[in-house]
Amino acid sequence: MYLTILIRTFILYIVITIVFRLMGKREIGELGVVDLVVSVLIAEMAALALEKNEEPLLKYILPIMLLVIIQILFSFISLKSRKFRKLVDGEPSMIIKKGKIDEREMKKQRYNFYDLLMQLREKNIRNIKDVEYAILEPTGKLSVFEYEKDKGVTIPLILEGKIQEEKLNELNLSKEWLLTELAKKGIIDIKNISFCSYQNGELYIDFFDEKNED
């Protein structure tokens, strides 16, 4: 009996190690919704496989492999579809902008002041007015940028050839302004841009297939 448990434990260790290597390297605190659900279910399957050692191990390994396939498939779709990524993982939310708390966004994200103050204390922030930007990430982590320590924050304006109009609105900039600035740089077709961001009054532009321009 004990030998069986030891062998099953060793096999499960190998299988789960391979599984998490396939899922990619991410810290526990940075797991998305799908990653977290898959991880919990895998842990549950492994526990059942050790508890019910009289049943075939393959009965539990097959569901684990299916969960991995689902996770990899969802990750691939997320890379191709921003709508799907937004649906599954959500998007970052700006909680503080130039020292002003956005209570409406906090309510929308079901994020309360106790959470906000706790996460600010963890980052040694003593005064909210010192915060230029505080962004609630999809993982629940709060990214904080102080006036005296940071020179603005990177705002993505184009992702995978698509203009992020809501980000332009946050900056009080227009789509026409962005297209004009790109035209000044000789860029006409935005579909060739994989990533374009705005920070400190300047645009950073990266093209697909590593075709970067000055």
N, C-alpha and C. Protein backbone atom coordinates (compact mmCIF):
# COMPACT_ATOMS: atom_id res chain seq x y z
N MET A 1 0.84 -1.22 0.00
CA MET A 1 0.00 0.00 0.00
C MET A 1 0.87 1.27 0.00
N TYR A 2 1.85 1.29 0.94
CA TYR A 2 2.69 2.47 1.05
C TYR A 2 3.57 2.65 -0.19
N LEU A 3 4.01 1.52 -0.72
CA LEU A 3 4.81 1.58 -1.94
C LEU A 3 4.00 2.16 -3.09
N THR A 4 2.73 1.75 -3.17
CA THR A 4 1.84 2.28 -4.21
C THR A 4 1.68 3.79 -4.09
N ILE A 5 1.50 4.26 -2.86
CA ILE A 5 1.34 5.71 -2.62
C ILE A 5 2.61 6.45 -3.03
N LEU A 6 3.77 5.89 -2.70
CA LEU A 6 5.04 6.53 -3.05
C LEU A 6 5.22 6.61 -4.56
N ILE A 7 4.88 5.51 -5.24
CA ILE A 7 5.02 5.49 -6.70
C ILE A 7 4.06 6.49 -7.34
N ARG A 8 2.80 6.53 -6.88
CA ARG A 8 1.80 7.46 -7.42
C ARG A 8 2.22 8.91 -7.16
N THR A 9 2.77 9.15 -5.98
CA THR A 9 3.23 10.50 -5.63
C THR A 9 4.34 10.95 -6.57
N PHE A 10 5.30 10.05 -6.83
CA PHE A 10 6.41 10.36 -7.72
C PHE A 10 5.91 10.64 -9.15
N ILE A 11 5.01 9.80 -9.63
CA ILE A 11 4.47 9.98 -10.98
C ILE A 11 3.71 11.31 -11.09
N LEU A 12 2.89 11.61 -10.06
CA LEU A 12 2.13 12.87 -10.07
C LEU A 12 3.07 14.07 -10.01
N TYR A 13 4.16 13.94 -9.26
CA TYR A 13 5.13 15.03 -9.19
C TYR A 13 5.70 15.33 -10.58
N ILE A 14 6.07 14.27 -11.28
CA ILE A 14 6.62 14.44 -12.63
C ILE A 14 5.58 15.06 -13.56
N VAL A 15 4.34 14.54 -13.51
CA VAL A 15 3.27 15.02 -14.39
C VAL A 15 2.96 16.49 -14.12
N ILE A 16 2.81 16.86 -12.85
CA ILE A 16 2.43 18.23 -12.50
C ILE A 16 3.57 19.20 -12.79
N THR A 17 4.82 18.76 -12.62
CA THR A 17 5.97 19.60 -12.98
C THR A 17 5.95 19.92 -14.47
N ILE A 18 5.70 18.90 -15.28
CA ILE A 18 5.60 19.09 -16.73
C ILE A 18 4.44 20.01 -17.08
N VAL A 19 3.31 19.80 -16.39
CA VAL A 19 2.10 20.59 -16.63
C VAL A 19 2.37 22.08 -16.40
N PHE A 20 2.99 22.41 -15.28
CA PHE A 20 3.21 23.82 -14.97
C PHE A 20 4.31 24.43 -15.84
N ARG A 21 5.22 23.61 -16.33
CA ARG A 21 6.19 24.10 -17.31
C ARG A 21 5.48 24.47 -18.61
N LEU A 22 4.49 23.65 -18.99
CA LEU A 22 3.73 23.93 -20.21
C LEU A 22 2.87 25.18 -20.05
N MET A 23 2.39 25.41 -18.84
CA MET A 23 1.52 26.57 -18.59
C MET A 23 2.29 27.88 -18.60
N GLY A 24 3.62 27.81 -18.48
CA GLY A 24 4.42 29.03 -18.53
C GLY A 24 4.80 29.52 -17.15
N LYS A 25 5.81 30.41 -17.12
CA LYS A 25 6.33 30.93 -15.85
C LYS A 25 5.58 32.18 -15.44
N ARG A 26 4.82 32.04 -14.36
CA ARG A 26 4.12 33.20 -13.79
C ARG A 26 4.09 33.04 -12.28
N GLU A 27 4.26 34.14 -11.57
CA GLU A 27 4.19 34.09 -10.13
C GLU A 27 2.75 33.82 -9.70
N ILE A 28 2.61 33.21 -8.50
CA ILE A 28 1.28 32.87 -8.00
C ILE A 28 0.39 34.11 -7.92
N GLY A 29 0.97 35.22 -7.47
CA GLY A 29 0.18 36.45 -7.33
C GLY A 29 -0.18 37.10 -8.65
N GLU A 30 0.38 36.59 -9.75
CA GLU A 30 0.11 37.17 -11.06
C GLU A 30 -0.74 36.26 -11.93
N LEU A 31 -1.29 35.20 -11.34
CA LEU A 31 -2.12 34.28 -12.11
C LEU A 31 -3.42 34.95 -12.53
N GLY A 32 -3.79 34.74 -13.80
CA GLY A 32 -5.09 35.20 -14.27
C GLY A 32 -6.18 34.27 -13.79
N VAL A 33 -7.42 34.60 -14.14
CA VAL A 33 -8.55 33.80 -13.68
C VAL A 33 -8.45 32.36 -14.17
N VAL A 34 -8.21 32.18 -15.47
CA VAL A 34 -8.12 30.84 -16.04
C VAL A 34 -6.98 30.05 -15.42
N ASP A 35 -5.80 30.69 -15.27
CA ASP A 35 -4.64 30.04 -14.67
C ASP A 35 -4.94 29.59 -13.25
N LEU A 36 -5.61 30.46 -12.49
CA LEU A 36 -5.91 30.15 -11.10
C LEU A 36 -6.89 28.98 -11.00
N VAL A 37 -7.95 29.01 -11.82
CA VAL A 37 -8.94 27.93 -11.80
C VAL A 37 -8.30 26.60 -12.18
N VAL A 38 -7.48 26.62 -13.23
CA VAL A 38 -6.80 25.39 -13.67
C VAL A 38 -5.87 24.87 -12.57
N SER A 39 -5.14 25.76 -11.91
CA SER A 39 -4.21 25.36 -10.85
C SER A 39 -4.95 24.71 -9.69
N VAL A 40 -6.08 25.29 -9.29
CA VAL A 40 -6.88 24.74 -8.19
C VAL A 40 -7.42 23.37 -8.55
N LEU A 41 -7.93 23.22 -9.76
CA LEU A 41 -8.49 21.94 -10.20
C LEU A 41 -7.41 20.87 -10.31
N ILE A 42 -6.22 21.25 -10.78
CA ILE A 42 -5.12 20.30 -10.86
C ILE A 42 -4.73 19.81 -9.47
N ALA A 43 -4.67 20.74 -8.52
CA ALA A 43 -4.35 20.37 -7.14
C ALA A 43 -5.39 19.41 -6.57
N GLU A 44 -6.66 19.67 -6.89
CA GLU A 44 -7.75 18.80 -6.41
C GLU A 44 -7.64 17.41 -7.02
N MET A 45 -7.36 17.35 -8.32
CA MET A 45 -7.20 16.05 -9.00
C MET A 45 -6.03 15.27 -8.41
N ALA A 46 -4.94 15.96 -8.12
CA ALA A 46 -3.77 15.29 -7.55
C ALA A 46 -4.08 14.74 -6.16
N ALA A 47 -4.83 15.52 -5.39
CA ALA A 47 -5.20 15.07 -4.04
C ALA A 47 -6.09 13.83 -4.10
N LEU A 48 -7.04 13.82 -5.02
CA LEU A 48 -7.92 12.66 -5.18
C LEU A 48 -7.14 11.43 -5.64
N ALA A 49 -6.16 11.65 -6.53
CA ALA A 49 -5.36 10.54 -7.04
C ALA A 49 -4.57 9.87 -5.92
N LEU A 50 -4.10 10.66 -4.95
CA LEU A 50 -3.36 10.09 -3.82
C LEU A 50 -4.28 9.48 -2.78
N GLU A 51 -5.45 10.09 -2.63
CA GLU A 51 -6.42 9.58 -1.64
C GLU A 51 -7.03 8.25 -2.07
N LYS A 52 -7.39 8.16 -3.34
CA LYS A 52 -8.04 6.95 -3.86
C LYS A 52 -7.01 6.13 -4.64
N ASN A 53 -6.04 5.57 -3.91
CA ASN A 53 -4.94 4.89 -4.58
C ASN A 53 -5.32 3.54 -5.16
N GLU A 54 -6.56 3.09 -4.90
CA GLU A 54 -6.99 1.82 -5.49
C GLU A 54 -7.51 2.00 -6.91
N GLU A 55 -7.76 3.25 -7.29
CA GLU A 55 -8.27 3.53 -8.64
C GLU A 55 -7.10 3.79 -9.60
N PRO A 56 -7.30 3.53 -10.90
CA PRO A 56 -6.23 3.74 -11.88
C PRO A 56 -5.75 5.20 -11.89
N LEU A 57 -4.45 5.40 -11.90
CA LEU A 57 -3.88 6.75 -11.88
C LEU A 57 -4.25 7.53 -13.15
N LEU A 58 -4.38 6.79 -14.25
CA LEU A 58 -4.71 7.43 -15.52
C LEU A 58 -6.05 8.16 -15.46
N LYS A 59 -6.93 7.69 -14.59
CA LYS A 59 -8.26 8.31 -14.43
C LYS A 59 -8.13 9.77 -13.99
N TYR A 60 -7.06 10.10 -13.30
CA TYR A 60 -6.86 11.46 -12.81
C TYR A 60 -5.86 12.24 -13.66
N ILE A 61 -4.96 11.52 -14.30
CA ILE A 61 -3.99 12.21 -15.17
C ILE A 61 -4.66 12.77 -16.42
N LEU A 62 -5.61 12.03 -16.97
CA LEU A 62 -6.30 12.49 -18.19
C LEU A 62 -7.03 13.82 -17.98
N PRO A 63 -7.82 14.00 -16.88
CA PRO A 63 -8.44 15.31 -16.65
C PRO A 63 -7.42 16.43 -16.46
N ILE A 64 -6.29 16.10 -15.82
CA ILE A 64 -5.24 17.11 -15.64
C ILE A 64 -4.71 17.58 -17.00
N MET A 65 -4.46 16.63 -17.89
CA MET A 65 -3.97 16.98 -19.22
C MET A 65 -5.01 17.78 -20.01
N LEU A 66 -6.28 17.43 -19.82
CA LEU A 66 -7.36 18.19 -20.48
C LEU A 66 -7.38 19.63 -20.00
N LEU A 67 -7.19 19.84 -18.69
CA LEU A 67 -7.16 21.19 -18.13
C LEU A 67 -6.00 22.00 -18.70
N VAL A 68 -4.86 21.34 -18.89
CA VAL A 68 -3.70 22.03 -19.47
C VAL A 68 -3.99 22.44 -20.91
N ILE A 69 -4.62 21.54 -21.66
CA ILE A 69 -4.97 21.86 -23.06
C ILE A 69 -5.91 23.06 -23.10
N ILE A 70 -6.89 23.09 -22.19
CA ILE A 70 -7.83 24.22 -22.12
C ILE A 70 -7.08 25.51 -21.80
N GLN A 71 -6.16 25.45 -20.83
CA GLN A 71 -5.42 26.64 -20.44
C GLN A 71 -4.56 27.17 -21.59
N ILE A 72 -3.87 26.26 -22.30
CA ILE A 72 -3.03 26.65 -23.43
C ILE A 72 -3.88 27.22 -24.56
N LEU A 73 -5.04 26.59 -24.81
CA LEU A 73 -5.94 27.06 -25.86
C LEU A 73 -6.46 28.46 -25.54
N PHE A 74 -6.87 28.67 -24.29
CA PHE A 74 -7.38 29.99 -23.87
C PHE A 74 -6.27 31.04 -23.96
N SER A 75 -5.03 30.66 -23.62
CA SER A 75 -3.92 31.61 -23.70
C SER A 75 -3.67 32.01 -25.15
N PHE A 76 -3.76 31.04 -26.05
CA PHE A 76 -3.56 31.32 -27.47
C PHE A 76 -4.65 32.25 -28.01
N ILE A 77 -5.90 31.97 -27.64
CA ILE A 77 -7.02 32.82 -28.08
C ILE A 77 -6.86 34.23 -27.52
N SER A 78 -6.40 34.33 -26.26
CA SER A 78 -6.20 35.63 -25.63
C SER A 78 -5.17 36.47 -26.37
N LEU A 79 -4.13 35.80 -26.91
CA LEU A 79 -3.12 36.52 -27.68
C LEU A 79 -3.68 37.09 -28.96
N LYS A 80 -4.66 36.39 -29.54
CA LYS A 80 -5.22 36.78 -30.83
C LYS A 80 -6.42 37.71 -30.70
N SER A 81 -7.14 37.61 -29.58
CA SER A 81 -8.38 38.37 -29.43
C SER A 81 -8.37 39.21 -28.16
N ARG A 82 -8.37 40.52 -28.33
CA ARG A 82 -8.39 41.42 -27.17
C ARG A 82 -9.72 41.31 -26.44
N LYS A 83 -10.83 41.13 -27.18
CA LYS A 83 -12.14 41.00 -26.55
C LYS A 83 -12.20 39.78 -25.64
N PHE A 84 -11.65 38.67 -26.13
CA PHE A 84 -11.64 37.45 -25.32
C PHE A 84 -10.76 37.63 -24.09
N ARG A 85 -9.60 38.27 -24.28
CA ARG A 85 -8.68 38.52 -23.16
C ARG A 85 -9.34 39.41 -22.11
N LYS A 86 -10.07 40.41 -22.58
CA LYS A 86 -10.77 41.32 -21.67
C LYS A 86 -11.86 40.58 -20.92
N LEU A 87 -12.57 39.68 -21.62
CA LEU A 87 -13.65 38.91 -21.01
C LEU A 87 -13.13 37.97 -19.93
N VAL A 88 -12.02 37.29 -20.23
CA VAL A 88 -11.49 36.27 -19.32
C VAL A 88 -10.67 36.88 -18.18
N ASP A 89 -9.72 37.76 -18.52
CA ASP A 89 -8.78 38.28 -17.53
C ASP A 89 -9.13 39.68 -17.03
N GLY A 90 -9.95 40.40 -17.79
CA GLY A 90 -10.23 41.77 -17.42
C GLY A 90 -9.10 42.69 -17.89
N GLU A 91 -9.19 43.97 -17.51
CA GLU A 91 -8.17 44.95 -17.91
C GLU A 91 -7.75 45.79 -16.70
N PRO A 92 -6.57 46.39 -16.77
CA PRO A 92 -6.15 47.27 -15.67
C PRO A 92 -7.12 48.44 -15.51
N SER A 93 -7.30 48.86 -14.26
CA SER A 93 -8.20 49.98 -13.97
C SER A 93 -7.45 51.05 -13.19
N MET A 94 -7.59 52.30 -13.63
CA MET A 94 -6.91 53.40 -12.96
C MET A 94 -7.74 53.84 -11.76
N ILE A 95 -7.20 53.59 -10.56
CA ILE A 95 -7.90 53.90 -9.32
C ILE A 95 -7.58 55.32 -8.83
N ILE A 96 -6.33 55.73 -9.02
CA ILE A 96 -5.91 57.09 -8.65
C ILE A 96 -5.25 57.74 -9.85
N LYS A 97 -5.67 58.95 -10.18
CA LYS A 97 -5.08 59.69 -11.28
C LYS A 97 -4.76 61.10 -10.80
N LYS A 98 -3.45 61.40 -10.79
CA LYS A 98 -2.96 62.71 -10.35
C LYS A 98 -3.48 63.07 -8.96
N GLY A 99 -3.36 62.11 -8.04
CA GLY A 99 -3.73 62.33 -6.64
C GLY A 99 -5.21 62.30 -6.35
N LYS A 100 -6.04 61.99 -7.35
CA LYS A 100 -7.49 61.97 -7.16
C LYS A 100 -8.01 60.55 -7.31
N ILE A 101 -8.76 60.10 -6.29
CA ILE A 101 -9.32 58.74 -6.30
C ILE A 101 -10.55 58.70 -7.21
N ASP A 102 -10.63 57.69 -8.03
CA ASP A 102 -11.79 57.48 -8.91
C ASP A 102 -12.75 56.50 -8.21
N GLU A 103 -13.69 57.05 -7.43
CA GLU A 103 -14.61 56.21 -6.66
C GLU A 103 -15.52 55.38 -7.56
N ARG A 104 -15.87 55.93 -8.73
CA ARG A 104 -16.74 55.21 -9.65
C ARG A 104 -16.06 53.94 -10.16
N GLU A 105 -14.77 54.07 -10.49
CA GLU A 105 -14.02 52.90 -10.97
C GLU A 105 -13.82 51.88 -9.85
N MET A 106 -13.63 52.36 -8.64
CA MET A 106 -13.49 51.46 -7.50
C MET A 106 -14.78 50.66 -7.29
N LYS A 107 -15.89 51.32 -7.39
CA LYS A 107 -17.18 50.64 -7.23
C LYS A 107 -17.40 49.63 -8.35
N LYS A 108 -17.02 50.01 -9.55
CA LYS A 108 -17.15 49.11 -10.71
C LYS A 108 -16.33 47.84 -10.52
N GLN A 109 -15.16 47.97 -9.92
CA GLN A 109 -14.27 46.83 -9.72
C GLN A 109 -14.51 46.14 -8.38
N ARG A 110 -15.51 46.63 -7.61
CA ARG A 110 -15.81 46.08 -6.28
C ARG A 110 -14.55 46.11 -5.40
N TYR A 111 -13.92 47.24 -5.43
CA TYR A 111 -12.65 47.46 -4.73
C TYR A 111 -12.89 48.55 -3.69
N ASN A 112 -12.68 48.23 -2.42
CA ASN A 112 -13.04 49.20 -1.38
C ASN A 112 -11.84 49.97 -0.85
N PHE A 113 -12.12 50.97 -0.01
CA PHE A 113 -11.07 51.83 0.52
C PHE A 113 -10.13 51.08 1.46
N TYR A 114 -10.65 50.07 2.14
CA TYR A 114 -9.79 49.29 3.03
C TYR A 114 -8.70 48.58 2.23
N ASP A 115 -9.09 48.00 1.09
CA ASP A 115 -8.11 47.34 0.21
C ASP A 115 -7.11 48.35 -0.33
N LEU A 116 -7.62 49.50 -0.77
CA LEU A 116 -6.76 50.53 -1.33
C LEU A 116 -5.72 51.00 -0.32
N LEU A 117 -6.18 51.34 0.89
CA LEU A 117 -5.27 51.84 1.92
C LEU A 117 -4.27 50.78 2.35
N MET A 118 -4.72 49.53 2.43
CA MET A 118 -3.82 48.45 2.81
C MET A 118 -2.70 48.27 1.78
N GLN A 119 -3.07 48.29 0.48
CA GLN A 119 -2.07 48.09 -0.56
C GLN A 119 -1.14 49.30 -0.68
N LEU A 120 -1.65 50.49 -0.37
CA LEU A 120 -0.79 51.67 -0.36
C LEU A 120 0.20 51.61 0.80
N ARG A 121 -0.27 51.13 1.97
CA ARG A 121 0.63 50.97 3.12
C ARG A 121 1.74 49.97 2.81
N GLU A 122 1.37 48.90 2.11
CA GLU A 122 2.37 47.88 1.75
C GLU A 122 3.48 48.46 0.88
N LYS A 123 3.17 49.54 0.17
CA LYS A 123 4.16 50.19 -0.70
C LYS A 123 4.73 51.45 -0.04
N ASN A 124 4.48 51.58 1.28
CA ASN A 124 5.01 52.71 2.07
C ASN A 124 4.54 54.07 1.56
N ILE A 125 3.31 54.11 1.07
CA ILE A 125 2.71 55.38 0.64
C ILE A 125 1.99 56.00 1.82
N ARG A 126 2.41 57.18 2.23
CA ARG A 126 1.83 57.83 3.40
C ARG A 126 0.70 58.79 3.05
N ASN A 127 0.77 59.34 1.86
CA ASN A 127 -0.22 60.35 1.49
C ASN A 127 -0.70 60.11 0.06
N ILE A 128 -2.02 59.99 -0.11
CA ILE A 128 -2.57 59.72 -1.44
C ILE A 128 -2.24 60.83 -2.44
N LYS A 129 -2.10 62.05 -1.96
CA LYS A 129 -1.82 63.17 -2.87
C LYS A 129 -0.44 63.05 -3.51
N ASP A 130 0.42 62.17 -2.94
CA ASP A 130 1.74 61.95 -3.51
C ASP A 130 1.70 60.95 -4.67
N VAL A 131 0.53 60.33 -4.87
CA VAL A 131 0.40 59.31 -5.91
C VAL A 131 -0.07 59.95 -7.21
N GLU A 132 0.74 59.80 -8.25
CA GLU A 132 0.34 60.31 -9.56
C GLU A 132 -0.64 59.34 -10.22
N TYR A 133 -0.28 58.05 -10.21
CA TYR A 133 -1.18 57.02 -10.77
C TYR A 133 -1.15 55.79 -9.87
N ALA A 134 -2.32 55.18 -9.68
CA ALA A 134 -2.41 53.88 -9.04
C ALA A 134 -3.32 53.02 -9.92
N ILE A 135 -2.77 51.92 -10.40
CA ILE A 135 -3.49 51.09 -11.36
C ILE A 135 -3.75 49.71 -10.77
N LEU A 136 -5.01 49.31 -10.73
CA LEU A 136 -5.39 47.99 -10.25
C LEU A 136 -5.27 47.01 -11.40
N GLU A 137 -4.32 46.08 -11.28
CA GLU A 137 -4.08 45.10 -12.33
C GLU A 137 -5.14 44.01 -12.30
N PRO A 138 -5.31 43.28 -13.42
CA PRO A 138 -6.30 42.18 -13.45
C PRO A 138 -6.06 41.12 -12.38
N THR A 139 -4.81 41.01 -11.91
CA THR A 139 -4.48 40.02 -10.87
C THR A 139 -4.87 40.49 -9.48
N GLY A 140 -5.29 41.76 -9.34
CA GLY A 140 -5.62 42.31 -8.03
C GLY A 140 -4.48 43.09 -7.41
N LYS A 141 -3.33 43.07 -8.06
CA LYS A 141 -2.16 43.82 -7.58
C LYS A 141 -2.32 45.29 -7.91
N LEU A 142 -1.90 46.16 -6.99
CA LEU A 142 -1.98 47.60 -7.21
C LEU A 142 -0.59 48.13 -7.59
N SER A 143 -0.49 48.69 -8.80
CA SER A 143 0.76 49.31 -9.25
C SER A 143 0.68 50.81 -8.95
N VAL A 144 1.67 51.30 -8.22
CA VAL A 144 1.63 52.69 -7.75
C VAL A 144 2.82 53.48 -8.29
N PHE A 145 2.54 54.69 -8.78
CA PHE A 145 3.57 55.59 -9.31
C PHE A 145 3.48 56.91 -8.57
N GLU A 146 4.56 57.26 -7.88
CA GLU A 146 4.58 58.50 -7.11
C GLU A 146 5.13 59.65 -7.94
N TYR A 147 4.73 60.86 -7.60
CA TYR A 147 5.20 62.06 -8.30
C TYR A 147 6.71 62.20 -8.21
N GLU A 148 7.25 62.06 -7.00
CA GLU A 148 8.66 62.34 -6.81
C GLU A 148 9.58 61.22 -7.26
N LYS A 149 9.03 60.04 -7.49
CA LYS A 149 9.87 58.90 -7.86
C LYS A 149 9.75 58.52 -9.32
N ASP A 150 8.63 58.86 -9.93
CA ASP A 150 8.41 58.42 -11.31
C ASP A 150 8.15 59.59 -12.23
N LYS A 151 8.47 59.42 -13.47
CA LYS A 151 8.24 60.45 -14.48
C LYS A 151 7.12 60.02 -15.41
N GLY A 152 5.96 59.84 -14.83
CA GLY A 152 4.80 59.44 -15.64
C GLY A 152 4.69 57.94 -15.75
N VAL A 153 3.67 57.50 -16.44
CA VAL A 153 3.41 56.07 -16.60
C VAL A 153 3.16 55.77 -18.08
N THR A 154 3.57 54.59 -18.51
CA THR A 154 3.38 54.19 -19.90
C THR A 154 1.91 53.86 -20.15
N ILE A 155 1.31 54.55 -21.11
CA ILE A 155 -0.09 54.31 -21.47
C ILE A 155 -0.12 53.71 -22.88
N PRO A 156 -0.61 52.48 -23.03
CA PRO A 156 -0.67 51.87 -24.37
C PRO A 156 -1.75 52.51 -25.23
N LEU A 157 -1.36 53.01 -26.41
CA LEU A 157 -2.31 53.65 -27.32
C LEU A 157 -2.66 52.74 -28.50
N ILE A 158 -1.74 51.86 -28.86
CA ILE A 158 -1.99 50.89 -29.93
C ILE A 158 -1.49 49.53 -29.48
N LEU A 159 -2.35 48.53 -29.56
CA LEU A 159 -1.98 47.15 -29.24
C LEU A 159 -2.33 46.26 -30.41
N GLU A 160 -1.33 45.60 -30.96
CA GLU A 160 -1.53 44.66 -32.06
C GLU A 160 -2.31 45.29 -33.22
N GLY A 161 -1.90 46.52 -33.59
CA GLY A 161 -2.49 47.20 -34.72
C GLY A 161 -3.84 47.85 -34.48
N LYS A 162 -4.31 47.88 -33.21
CA LYS A 162 -5.62 48.45 -32.91
C LYS A 162 -5.49 49.60 -31.91
N ILE A 163 -6.12 50.72 -32.25
CA ILE A 163 -6.07 51.91 -31.40
C ILE A 163 -6.91 51.68 -30.14
N GLN A 164 -6.33 52.03 -28.99
CA GLN A 164 -7.04 51.91 -27.71
C GLN A 164 -7.68 53.27 -27.38
N GLU A 165 -8.89 53.45 -27.88
CA GLU A 165 -9.53 54.76 -27.79
C GLU A 165 -9.82 55.16 -26.34
N GLU A 166 -10.10 54.17 -25.46
CA GLU A 166 -10.38 54.52 -24.07
C GLU A 166 -9.14 55.10 -23.38
N LYS A 167 -7.94 54.65 -23.83
CA LYS A 167 -6.70 55.19 -23.26
C LYS A 167 -6.45 56.61 -23.76
N LEU A 168 -6.80 56.86 -25.02
CA LEU A 168 -6.70 58.23 -25.55
C LEU A 168 -7.62 59.16 -24.78
N ASN A 169 -8.81 58.67 -24.45
CA ASN A 169 -9.77 59.49 -23.69
C ASN A 169 -9.22 59.83 -22.30
N GLU A 170 -8.52 58.87 -21.68
CA GLU A 170 -7.93 59.11 -20.36
C GLU A 170 -6.91 60.25 -20.41
N LEU A 171 -6.24 60.37 -21.54
CA LEU A 171 -5.21 61.40 -21.71
C LEU A 171 -5.76 62.67 -22.34
N ASN A 172 -7.07 62.68 -22.61
CA ASN A 172 -7.71 63.81 -23.29
C ASN A 172 -7.09 64.07 -24.67
N LEU A 173 -6.75 62.96 -25.33
CA LEU A 173 -6.20 63.04 -26.69
C LEU A 173 -7.18 62.38 -27.65
N SER A 174 -7.07 62.72 -28.92
CA SER A 174 -8.00 62.19 -29.92
C SER A 174 -7.31 61.21 -30.86
N LYS A 175 -8.12 60.44 -31.54
CA LYS A 175 -7.61 59.50 -32.53
C LYS A 175 -6.92 60.26 -33.66
N GLU A 176 -7.48 61.41 -34.02
CA GLU A 176 -6.90 62.23 -35.08
C GLU A 176 -5.52 62.73 -34.69
N TRP A 177 -5.36 63.12 -33.41
CA TRP A 177 -4.05 63.56 -32.92
C TRP A 177 -3.02 62.44 -33.07
N LEU A 178 -3.40 61.24 -32.68
CA LEU A 178 -2.48 60.10 -32.75
C LEU A 178 -2.07 59.81 -34.19
N LEU A 179 -3.05 59.80 -35.09
CA LEU A 179 -2.75 59.52 -36.50
C LEU A 179 -1.85 60.59 -37.10
N THR A 180 -2.06 61.84 -36.67
CA THR A 180 -1.22 62.95 -37.15
C THR A 180 0.22 62.79 -36.67
N GLU A 181 0.38 62.42 -35.39
CA GLU A 181 1.72 62.22 -34.84
C GLU A 181 2.43 61.07 -35.53
N LEU A 182 1.70 60.03 -35.83
CA LEU A 182 2.29 58.89 -36.53
C LEU A 182 2.69 59.26 -37.97
N ALA A 183 1.83 60.07 -38.61
CA ALA A 183 2.12 60.51 -39.98
C ALA A 183 3.40 61.34 -40.02
N LYS A 184 3.65 62.14 -38.96
CA LYS A 184 4.88 62.93 -38.88
C LYS A 184 6.11 62.04 -38.89
N LYS A 185 5.93 60.82 -38.39
CA LYS A 185 7.03 59.87 -38.34
C LYS A 185 7.05 58.97 -39.58
N GLY A 186 6.17 59.28 -40.53
CA GLY A 186 6.12 58.51 -41.77
C GLY A 186 5.36 57.20 -41.65
N ILE A 187 4.53 57.09 -40.62
CA ILE A 187 3.76 55.86 -40.39
C ILE A 187 2.31 56.10 -40.82
N ILE A 188 1.88 55.38 -41.82
CA ILE A 188 0.52 55.54 -42.34
C ILE A 188 -0.39 54.39 -41.91
N ASP A 189 0.13 53.16 -42.01
CA ASP A 189 -0.68 51.98 -41.70
C ASP A 189 -0.40 51.51 -40.28
N ILE A 190 -1.37 51.71 -39.37
CA ILE A 190 -1.16 51.33 -37.96
C ILE A 190 -1.19 49.83 -37.76
N LYS A 191 -1.64 49.08 -38.76
CA LYS A 191 -1.69 47.62 -38.64
C LYS A 191 -0.29 47.02 -38.54
N ASN A 192 0.72 47.80 -38.93
CA ASN A 192 2.10 47.33 -38.84
C ASN A 192 2.69 47.53 -37.44
N ILE A 193 1.93 48.22 -36.56
CA ILE A 193 2.42 48.53 -35.22
C ILE A 193 1.94 47.46 -34.23
N SER A 194 2.89 46.84 -33.55
CA SER A 194 2.51 45.84 -32.54
C SER A 194 2.23 46.53 -31.20
N PHE A 195 2.98 47.61 -30.90
CA PHE A 195 2.80 48.31 -29.63
C PHE A 195 3.20 49.77 -29.78
N CYS A 196 2.33 50.64 -29.30
CA CYS A 196 2.63 52.07 -29.29
C CYS A 196 2.14 52.63 -27.96
N SER A 197 3.03 53.31 -27.24
CA SER A 197 2.65 53.86 -25.94
C SER A 197 3.00 55.34 -25.86
N TYR A 198 2.43 55.99 -24.85
CA TYR A 198 2.63 57.43 -24.64
C TYR A 198 3.13 57.65 -23.22
N GLN A 199 4.23 58.38 -23.10
CA GLN A 199 4.76 58.68 -21.77
C GLN A 199 5.60 59.93 -21.83
N ASN A 200 5.35 60.83 -20.90
CA ASN A 200 6.11 62.09 -20.81
C ASN A 200 6.09 62.88 -22.12
N GLY A 201 4.94 62.84 -22.81
CA GLY A 201 4.79 63.62 -24.03
C GLY A 201 5.42 62.99 -25.26
N GLU A 202 5.91 61.76 -25.13
CA GLU A 202 6.57 61.10 -26.25
C GLU A 202 5.91 59.77 -26.58
N LEU A 203 5.99 59.40 -27.86
CA LEU A 203 5.46 58.12 -28.32
C LEU A 203 6.59 57.10 -28.44
N TYR A 204 6.31 55.90 -27.94
CA TYR A 204 7.22 54.77 -28.17
C TYR A 204 6.52 53.83 -29.15
N ILE A 205 7.22 53.44 -30.22
CA ILE A 205 6.58 52.63 -31.26
C ILE A 205 7.42 51.39 -31.53
N ASP A 206 6.73 50.24 -31.55
CA ASP A 206 7.39 48.98 -31.88
C ASP A 206 6.56 48.29 -32.97
N PHE A 207 7.25 47.79 -33.99
CA PHE A 207 6.57 47.19 -35.13
C PHE A 207 6.59 45.66 -35.07
N PHE A 208 5.66 45.06 -35.78
CA PHE A 208 5.65 43.61 -35.91
C PHE A 208 6.92 43.14 -36.61
N ASP A 209 7.32 41.93 -36.33
CA ASP A 209 8.47 41.30 -37.00
C ASP A 209 9.76 42.08 -36.78
N GLU A 210 9.80 42.80 -35.63
CA GLU A 210 11.00 43.52 -35.22
C GLU A 210 11.43 44.58 -36.21
N LYS A 211 10.46 45.11 -36.99
CA LYS A 211 10.79 46.18 -37.95
C LYS A 211 10.62 47.52 -37.26
N ASN A 212 11.58 47.90 -36.48
CA ASN A 212 11.51 49.12 -35.69
C ASN A 212 12.05 50.30 -36.48
N GLU A 213 11.44 51.43 -36.20
CA GLU A 213 11.88 52.67 -36.84
C GLU A 213 12.19 53.69 -35.77
N ASP A 214 12.99 54.66 -36.08
CA ASP A 214 13.31 55.72 -35.11
C ASP A 214 12.12 56.66 -34.96
